[in-house]
Amino acid sequence: MRFISIIFLTFLSCYIYGQTLFIDNIDKNIWTTSEKIIEQQTEINLSKLKIDKDSIKADTYLIEFNDKMLIYFYDSKSGKDSLIEKLRYSFIKEPYRFEIEYKDNSVKQYEIGINSSGNFASLHQTKDLYACFETILNKEDESKDGFKTNGYVIEIPYEKSEKIIGKRIQISGEILIVKGIKNDAKNQLLRQGRYEDTKYIINPKFTILN
């Protein structure tokens, strides 16, 4: 039993050490990945760039972590890179998690994998967390399902809506996706419901900005 405990503690120490190395080195290096990073990805594999860009033989994506996550596409034929994405990101400790805020305002959380180190990181998506964005709601945005804004549907009690309509507000909350006919084989046979998926913000919180 003691032997097993020692193995487990050694394993845990290596795991945490690998995560720490990645976090400590993330903004000191350029990272590469063979696939474009999009919100639907469940796994992101990053490798530290150890050679000059001119020596890269295949098209790839280069990533820099500054105040934002900068994603470049590198064209190996021309030897040039172009900025294609600029995303917000953050770290959460205990346990270590990595969050990316995508352009659709969704925030994805990733677990830093066991094989991560100072030279490599494997990020595994855990779940959709929430949306957080600024907007101005108008009467015209209201439908039978709720207010539609930034690609989301939000149910707002009448008393609350009267206080925030026409004002710049920040909205945040958990995301619930209701499958549409397009992505739901069962509904497709019945031919009922919306064609596209509908994204709802559950238990939204509102902050008036002005």
C-alpha atoms as a PDB file:
ATOM      1  CA  MET A   1       0.000   0.000   0.000  1.00  0.00           C
ATOM      2  CA  ARG A   2       2.854   2.360   0.872  1.00  0.00           C
ATOM      3  CA  PHE A   3       4.544   1.556  -2.446  1.00  0.00           C
ATOM      4  CA  ILE A   4       1.351   2.429  -4.324  1.00  0.00           C
ATOM      5  CA  SER A   5       1.078   5.692  -2.410  1.00  0.00           C
ATOM      6  CA  ILE A   6       4.655   6.600  -3.325  1.00  0.00           C
ATOM      7  CA  ILE A   7       3.959   5.894  -6.997  1.00  0.00           C
ATOM      8  CA  PHE A   8       0.796   8.004  -6.881  1.00  0.00           C
ATOM      9  CA  LEU A   9       2.563  10.930  -5.197  1.00  0.00           C
ATOM     10  CA  THR A  10       5.418  10.752  -7.713  1.00  0.00           C
ATOM     11  CA  PHE A  11       2.913  10.692 -10.558  1.00  0.00           C
ATOM     12  CA  LEU A  12       1.021  13.651  -9.085  1.00  0.00           C
ATOM     13  CA  SER A  13       4.225  15.638  -8.580  1.00  0.00           C
ATOM     14  CA  CYS A  14       5.273  15.097 -12.209  1.00  0.00           C
ATOM     15  CA  TYR A  15       1.787  16.050 -13.388  1.00  0.00           C
ATOM     16  CA  ILE A  16       1.761  19.326 -11.450  1.00  0.00           C
ATOM     17  CA  TYR A  17       5.377  20.037 -12.419  1.00  0.00           C
ATOM     18  CA  GLY A  18       4.498  19.641 -16.116  1.00  0.00           C
ATOM     19  CA  GLN A  19       1.531  21.980 -15.777  1.00  0.00           C
ATOM     20  CA  THR A  20       3.657  24.557 -13.955  1.00  0.00           C
ATOM     21  CA  LEU A  21       6.384  24.406 -16.615  1.00  0.00           C
ATOM     22  CA  PHE A  22       3.840  25.086 -19.333  1.00  0.00           C
ATOM     23  CA  ILE A  23       2.253  28.006 -17.482  1.00  0.00           C
ATOM     24  CA  ASP A  24       5.626  29.538 -16.546  1.00  0.00           C
ATOM     25  CA  ASN A  25       6.886  29.332 -20.128  1.00  0.00           C
ATOM     26  CA  ILE A  26       3.740  30.138 -22.062  1.00  0.00           C
ATOM     27  CA  ASP A  27       4.458  33.835 -22.659  1.00  0.00           C
ATOM     28  CA  LYS A  28       8.187  33.358 -23.198  1.00  0.00           C
ATOM     29  CA  ASN A  29       7.919  31.296 -26.367  1.00  0.00           C
ATOM     30  CA  ILE A  30       6.188  30.907 -29.706  1.00  0.00           C
ATOM     31  CA  TRP A  31       3.993  27.792 -29.869  1.00  0.00           C
ATOM     32  CA  THR A  32       2.820  25.793 -32.876  1.00  0.00           C
ATOM     33  CA  THR A  33      -0.180  23.631 -33.698  1.00  0.00           C
ATOM     34  CA  SER A  34      -1.119  21.863 -36.924  1.00  0.00           C
ATOM     35  CA  GLU A  35      -4.838  22.644 -36.651  1.00  0.00           C
ATOM     36  CA  LYS A  36      -6.649  25.949 -36.500  1.00  0.00           C
ATOM     37  CA  ILE A  37      -7.984  26.586 -33.007  1.00  0.00           C
ATOM     38  CA  ILE A  38     -11.777  26.828 -33.085  1.00  0.00           C
ATOM     39  CA  GLU A  39     -14.455  26.661 -30.395  1.00  0.00           C
ATOM     40  CA  GLN A  40     -15.602  23.163 -31.470  1.00  0.00           C
ATOM     41  CA  GLN A  41     -12.211  21.607 -30.744  1.00  0.00           C
ATOM     42  CA  THR A  42     -12.090  19.267 -27.765  1.00  0.00           C
ATOM     43  CA  GLU A  43      -8.285  18.932 -27.767  1.00  0.00           C
ATOM     44  CA  ILE A  44      -5.509  21.398 -28.552  1.00  0.00           C
ATOM     45  CA  ASN A  45      -1.914  20.213 -28.878  1.00  0.00           C
ATOM     46  CA  LEU A  46       0.779  22.876 -28.624  1.00  0.00           C
ATOM     47  CA  SER A  47       4.520  22.485 -29.219  1.00  0.00           C
ATOM     48  CA  LYS A  48       7.229  25.026 -28.503  1.00  0.00           C
ATOM     49  CA  LEU A  49       8.848  26.371 -31.674  1.00  0.00           C
ATOM     50  CA  LYS A  50      12.524  25.397 -31.404  1.00  0.00           C
ATOM     51  CA  ILE A  51      13.707  26.347 -34.897  1.00  0.00           C
ATOM     52  CA  ASP A  52      13.719  29.502 -36.971  1.00  0.00           C
ATOM     53  CA  LYS A  53      10.446  30.131 -38.779  1.00  0.00           C
ATOM     54  CA  ASP A  54      12.339  30.048 -42.083  1.00  0.00           C
ATOM     55  CA  SER A  55      13.116  26.379 -41.401  1.00  0.00           C
ATOM     56  CA  ILE A  56       9.453  25.338 -41.099  1.00  0.00           C
ATOM     57  CA  LYS A  57       8.645  23.000 -44.003  1.00  0.00           C
ATOM     58  CA  ALA A  58       4.845  22.786 -43.736  1.00  0.00           C
ATOM     59  CA  ASP A  59       1.987  25.230 -43.238  1.00  0.00           C
ATOM     60  CA  THR A  60       1.223  25.627 -39.560  1.00  0.00           C
ATOM     61  CA  TYR A  61      -0.290  27.913 -36.928  1.00  0.00           C
ATOM     62  CA  LEU A  62       1.902  29.994 -34.648  1.00  0.00           C
ATOM     63  CA  ILE A  63       0.637  31.177 -31.276  1.00  0.00           C
ATOM     64  CA  GLU A  64       1.937  33.913 -29.007  1.00  0.00           C
ATOM     65  CA  PHE A  65       0.576  34.563 -25.511  1.00  0.00           C
ATOM     66  CA  ASN A  66       0.828  38.216 -24.508  1.00  0.00           C
ATOM     67  CA  ASP A  67      -2.028  40.166 -22.978  1.00  0.00           C
ATOM     68  CA  LYS A  68      -4.076  38.195 -25.536  1.00  0.00           C
ATOM     69  CA  MET A  69      -3.701  34.923 -27.398  1.00  0.00           C
ATOM     70  CA  LEU A  70      -2.434  35.806 -30.890  1.00  0.00           C
ATOM     71  CA  ILE A  71      -2.875  33.152 -33.584  1.00  0.00           C
ATOM     72  CA  TYR A  72      -0.989  33.429 -36.875  1.00  0.00           C
ATOM     73  CA  PHE A  73      -1.162  31.293 -39.988  1.00  0.00           C
ATOM     74  CA  TYR A  74       2.318  30.554 -41.337  1.00  0.00           C
ATOM     75  CA  ASP A  75       2.569  29.907 -45.084  1.00  0.00           C
ATOM     76  CA  SER A  76       5.657  27.758 -45.614  1.00  0.00           C
ATOM     77  CA  LYS A  77       5.846  28.568 -49.339  1.00  0.00           C
ATOM     78  CA  SER A  78       5.982  32.334 -48.927  1.00  0.00           C
ATOM     79  CA  GLY A  79       7.685  32.207 -45.532  1.00  0.00           C
ATOM     80  CA  LYS A  80       5.196  34.752 -44.197  1.00  0.00           C
ATOM     81  CA  ASP A  81       2.741  34.671 -41.313  1.00  0.00           C
ATOM     82  CA  SER A  82      -0.528  36.572 -40.953  1.00  0.00           C
ATOM     83  CA  LEU A  83      -2.562  37.298 -37.814  1.00  0.00           C
ATOM     84  CA  ILE A  84      -5.943  35.515 -38.009  1.00  0.00           C
ATOM     85  CA  GLU A  85      -7.218  35.510 -34.409  1.00  0.00           C
ATOM     86  CA  LYS A  86      -6.838  37.597 -31.265  1.00  0.00           C
ATOM     87  CA  LEU A  87      -8.502  35.912 -28.281  1.00  0.00           C
ATOM     88  CA  ARG A  88      -8.700  36.485 -24.551  1.00  0.00           C
ATOM     89  CA  TYR A  89      -7.329  33.773 -22.291  1.00  0.00           C
ATOM     90  CA  SER A  90      -6.725  33.136 -18.614  1.00  0.00           C
ATOM     91  CA  PHE A  91      -5.462  30.526 -16.155  1.00  0.00           C
ATOM     92  CA  ILE A  92      -7.172  29.027 -13.128  1.00  0.00           C
ATOM     93  CA  LYS A  93      -5.131  27.303 -10.437  1.00  0.00           C
ATOM     94  CA  GLU A  94      -6.071  24.403  -8.140  1.00  0.00           C
ATOM     95  CA  PRO A  95      -6.776  22.546 -10.312  1.00  0.00           C
ATOM     96  CA  TYR A  96      -4.939  24.067 -13.255  1.00  0.00           C
ATOM     97  CA  ARG A  97      -7.303  25.086 -16.026  1.00  0.00           C
ATOM     98  CA  PHE A  98      -6.864  27.157 -19.178  1.00  0.00           C
ATOM     99  CA  GLU A  99      -9.733  29.280 -20.524  1.00  0.00           C
ATOM    100  CA  ILE A 100     -10.203  30.762 -23.987  1.00  0.00           C
ATOM    101  CA  GLU A 101     -12.888  33.294 -24.863  1.00  0.00           C
ATOM    102  CA  TYR A 102     -13.911  32.844 -28.505  1.00  0.00           C
ATOM    103  CA  LYS A 103     -15.408  35.386 -30.886  1.00  0.00           C
ATOM    104  CA  ASP A 104     -18.941  34.059 -30.357  1.00  0.00           C
ATOM    105  CA  ASN A 105     -18.505  35.170 -26.689  1.00  0.00           C
ATOM    106  CA  SER A 106     -18.425  31.580 -25.436  1.00  0.00           C
ATOM    107  CA  VAL A 107     -15.738  30.636 -22.919  1.00  0.00           C
ATOM    108  CA  LYS A 108     -14.201  27.172 -23.165  1.00  0.00           C
ATOM    109  CA  GLN A 109     -12.257  25.612 -20.337  1.00  0.00           C
ATOM    110  CA  TYR A 110      -9.388  23.190 -20.924  1.00  0.00           C
ATOM    111  CA  GLU A 111      -7.597  20.831 -18.585  1.00  0.00           C
ATOM    112  CA  ILE A 112      -3.814  20.909 -18.966  1.00  0.00           C
ATOM    113  CA  GLY A 113      -2.975  17.277 -19.831  1.00  0.00           C
ATOM    114  CA  ILE A 114      -0.691  14.892 -18.035  1.00  0.00           C
ATOM    115  CA  ASN A 115       1.923  14.872 -20.797  1.00  0.00           C
ATOM    116  CA  SER A 116       2.353  18.646 -20.702  1.00  0.00           C
ATOM    117  CA  SER A 117       5.821  20.061 -20.114  1.00  0.00           C
ATOM    118  CA  GLY A 118       7.906  23.098 -20.877  1.00  0.00           C
ATOM    119  CA  ASN A 119       8.043  22.048 -24.544  1.00  0.00           C
ATOM    120  CA  PHE A 120       4.608  20.576 -25.133  1.00  0.00           C
ATOM    121  CA  ALA A 121       1.057  21.036 -23.876  1.00  0.00           C
ATOM    122  CA  SER A 122      -2.048  18.953 -24.407  1.00  0.00           C
ATOM    123  CA  LEU A 123      -5.239  20.852 -23.592  1.00  0.00           C
ATOM    124  CA  HIS A 124      -8.474  18.877 -23.176  1.00  0.00           C
ATOM    125  CA  GLN A 125     -11.789  20.728 -23.216  1.00  0.00           C
ATOM    126  CA  THR A 126     -13.850  20.187 -20.086  1.00  0.00           C
ATOM    127  CA  LYS A 127     -17.107  22.051 -20.751  1.00  0.00           C
ATOM    128  CA  ASP A 128     -18.697  25.275 -21.930  1.00  0.00           C
ATOM    129  CA  LEU A 129     -18.668  27.671 -19.024  1.00  0.00           C
ATOM    130  CA  TYR A 130     -20.481  30.854 -19.738  1.00  0.00           C
ATOM    131  CA  ALA A 131     -20.906  33.842 -22.003  1.00  0.00           C
ATOM    132  CA  CYS A 132     -19.968  37.361 -20.979  1.00  0.00           C
ATOM    133  CA  PHE A 133     -20.418  40.380 -23.237  1.00  0.00           C
ATOM    134  CA  GLU A 134     -21.592  43.980 -23.437  1.00  0.00           C
ATOM    135  CA  THR A 135     -24.671  45.016 -25.372  1.00  0.00           C
ATOM    136  CA  ILE A 136     -27.645  47.375 -25.527  1.00  0.00           C
ATOM    137  CA  LEU A 137     -31.054  45.690 -25.472  1.00  0.00           C
ATOM    138  CA  ASN A 138     -33.945  47.205 -27.406  1.00  0.00           C
ATOM    139  CA  LYS A 139     -37.657  46.415 -27.478  1.00  0.00           C
ATOM    140  CA  GLU A 140     -37.193  45.089 -31.013  1.00  0.00           C
ATOM    141  CA  ASP A 141     -34.888  42.333 -29.671  1.00  0.00           C
ATOM    142  CA  GLU A 142     -37.724  40.718 -27.692  1.00  0.00           C
ATOM    143  CA  SER A 143     -39.406  37.546 -28.977  1.00  0.00           C
ATOM    144  CA  LYS A 144     -41.725  34.962 -27.452  1.00  0.00           C
ATOM    145  CA  ASP A 145     -38.656  33.069 -26.189  1.00  0.00           C
ATOM    146  CA  GLY A 146     -36.849  36.057 -24.740  1.00  0.00           C
ATOM    147  CA  PHE A 147     -34.463  38.767 -25.853  1.00  0.00           C
ATOM    148  CA  LYS A 148     -32.152  37.910 -28.762  1.00  0.00           C
ATOM    149  CA  THR A 149     -28.695  39.467 -28.725  1.00  0.00           C
ATOM    150  CA  ASN A 150     -25.169  38.444 -29.743  1.00  0.00           C
ATOM    151  CA  GLY A 151     -26.428  35.052 -30.919  1.00  0.00           C
ATOM    152  CA  TYR A 152     -28.095  34.175 -27.594  1.00  0.00           C
ATOM    153  CA  VAL A 153     -31.653  34.047 -26.280  1.00  0.00           C
ATOM    154  CA  ILE A 154     -32.099  35.458 -22.771  1.00  0.00           C
ATOM    155  CA  GLU A 155     -35.234  35.236 -20.654  1.00  0.00           C
ATOM    156  CA  ILE A 156     -35.645  38.461 -18.683  1.00  0.00           C
ATOM    157  CA  PRO A 157     -38.555  39.191 -16.312  1.00  0.00           C
ATOM    158  CA  TYR A 158     -40.631  42.206 -17.369  1.00  0.00           C
ATOM    159  CA  GLU A 159     -39.720  44.223 -14.263  1.00  0.00           C
ATOM    160  CA  LYS A 160     -36.024  43.653 -14.921  1.00  0.00           C
ATOM    161  CA  SER A 161     -36.210  44.379 -18.635  1.00  0.00           C
ATOM    162  CA  GLU A 162     -37.843  47.751 -18.013  1.00  0.00           C
ATOM    163  CA  LYS A 163     -34.789  48.805 -15.996  1.00  0.00           C
ATOM    164  CA  ILE A 164     -32.141  47.801 -18.539  1.00  0.00           C
ATOM    165  CA  ILE A 165     -33.680  48.378 -21.998  1.00  0.00           C
ATOM    166  CA  GLY A 166     -31.809  51.086 -23.885  1.00  0.00           C
ATOM    167  CA  LYS A 167     -28.845  51.018 -21.497  1.00  0.00           C
ATOM    168  CA  ARG A 168     -25.390  49.569 -22.104  1.00  0.00           C
ATOM    169  CA  ILE A 169     -25.131  46.481 -19.928  1.00  0.00           C
ATOM    170  CA  GLN A 170     -22.877  43.513 -19.341  1.00  0.00           C
ATOM    171  CA  ILE A 171     -24.593  40.121 -19.494  1.00  0.00           C
ATOM    172  CA  SER A 172     -23.052  36.915 -18.158  1.00  0.00           C
ATOM    173  CA  GLY A 173     -24.348  33.434 -17.465  1.00  0.00           C
ATOM    174  CA  GLU A 174     -24.156  29.733 -18.243  1.00  0.00           C
ATOM    175  CA  ILE A 175     -24.861  28.542 -21.779  1.00  0.00           C
ATOM    176  CA  LEU A 176     -27.526  25.994 -22.699  1.00  0.00           C
ATOM    177  CA  ILE A 177     -27.636  24.771 -26.311  1.00  0.00           C
ATOM    178  CA  VAL A 178     -30.931  23.352 -27.589  1.00  0.00           C
ATOM    179  CA  LYS A 179     -30.302  21.252 -30.691  1.00  0.00           C
ATOM    180  CA  GLY A 180     -32.138  22.239 -33.859  1.00  0.00           C
ATOM    181  CA  ILE A 181     -33.466  19.973 -36.591  1.00  0.00           C
ATOM    182  CA  LYS A 182     -30.209  20.384 -38.515  1.00  0.00           C
ATOM    183  CA  ASN A 183     -28.174  18.695 -35.764  1.00  0.00           C
ATOM    184  CA  ASP A 184     -30.794  16.458 -34.171  1.00  0.00           C
ATOM    185  CA  ALA A 185     -31.608  13.291 -36.117  1.00  0.00           C
ATOM    186  CA  LYS A 186     -34.709  12.559 -34.022  1.00  0.00           C
ATOM    187  CA  ASN A 187     -36.229  16.011 -34.560  1.00  0.00           C
ATOM    188  CA  GLN A 188     -35.259  15.868 -38.211  1.00  0.00           C
ATOM    189  CA  LEU A 189     -37.566  12.907 -38.712  1.00  0.00           C
ATOM    190  CA  LEU A 190     -40.409  14.749 -36.983  1.00  0.00           C
ATOM    191  CA  ARG A 191     -39.689  17.963 -38.889  1.00  0.00           C
ATOM    192  CA  GLN A 192     -40.552  20.073 -35.877  1.00  0.00           C
ATOM    193  CA  GLY A 193     -38.671  22.805 -34.074  1.00  0.00           C
ATOM    194  CA  ARG A 194     -35.982  25.229 -35.206  1.00  0.00           C
ATOM    195  CA  TYR A 195     -33.554  24.229 -37.930  1.00  0.00           C
ATOM    196  CA  GLU A 196     -30.471  25.724 -36.278  1.00  0.00           C
ATOM    197  CA  ASP A 197     -29.270  25.226 -32.702  1.00  0.00           C
ATOM    198  CA  THR A 198     -30.465  27.820 -30.187  1.00  0.00           C
ATOM    199  CA  LYS A 199     -28.124  29.102 -27.482  1.00  0.00           C
ATOM    200  CA  TYR A 200     -29.708  30.263 -24.235  1.00  0.00           C
ATOM    201  CA  ILE A 201     -28.064  32.057 -21.332  1.00  0.00           C
ATOM    202  CA  ILE A 202     -29.279  30.477 -18.110  1.00  0.00           C
ATOM    203  CA  ASN A 203     -29.603  32.481 -14.878  1.00  0.00           C
ATOM    204  CA  PRO A 204     -28.170  35.621 -16.492  1.00  0.00           C
ATOM    205  CA  LYS A 205     -26.561  38.381 -14.456  1.00  0.00           C
ATOM    206  CA  PHE A 206     -26.808  41.993 -15.575  1.00  0.00           C
ATOM    207  CA  THR A 207     -24.524  44.924 -14.817  1.00  0.00           C
ATOM    208  CA  ILE A 208     -25.524  48.414 -15.968  1.00  0.00           C
ATOM    209  CA  LEU A 209     -22.457  50.160 -17.415  1.00  0.00           C
ATOM    210  CA  ASN A 210     -23.927  53.610 -17.986  1.00  0.00           C
END
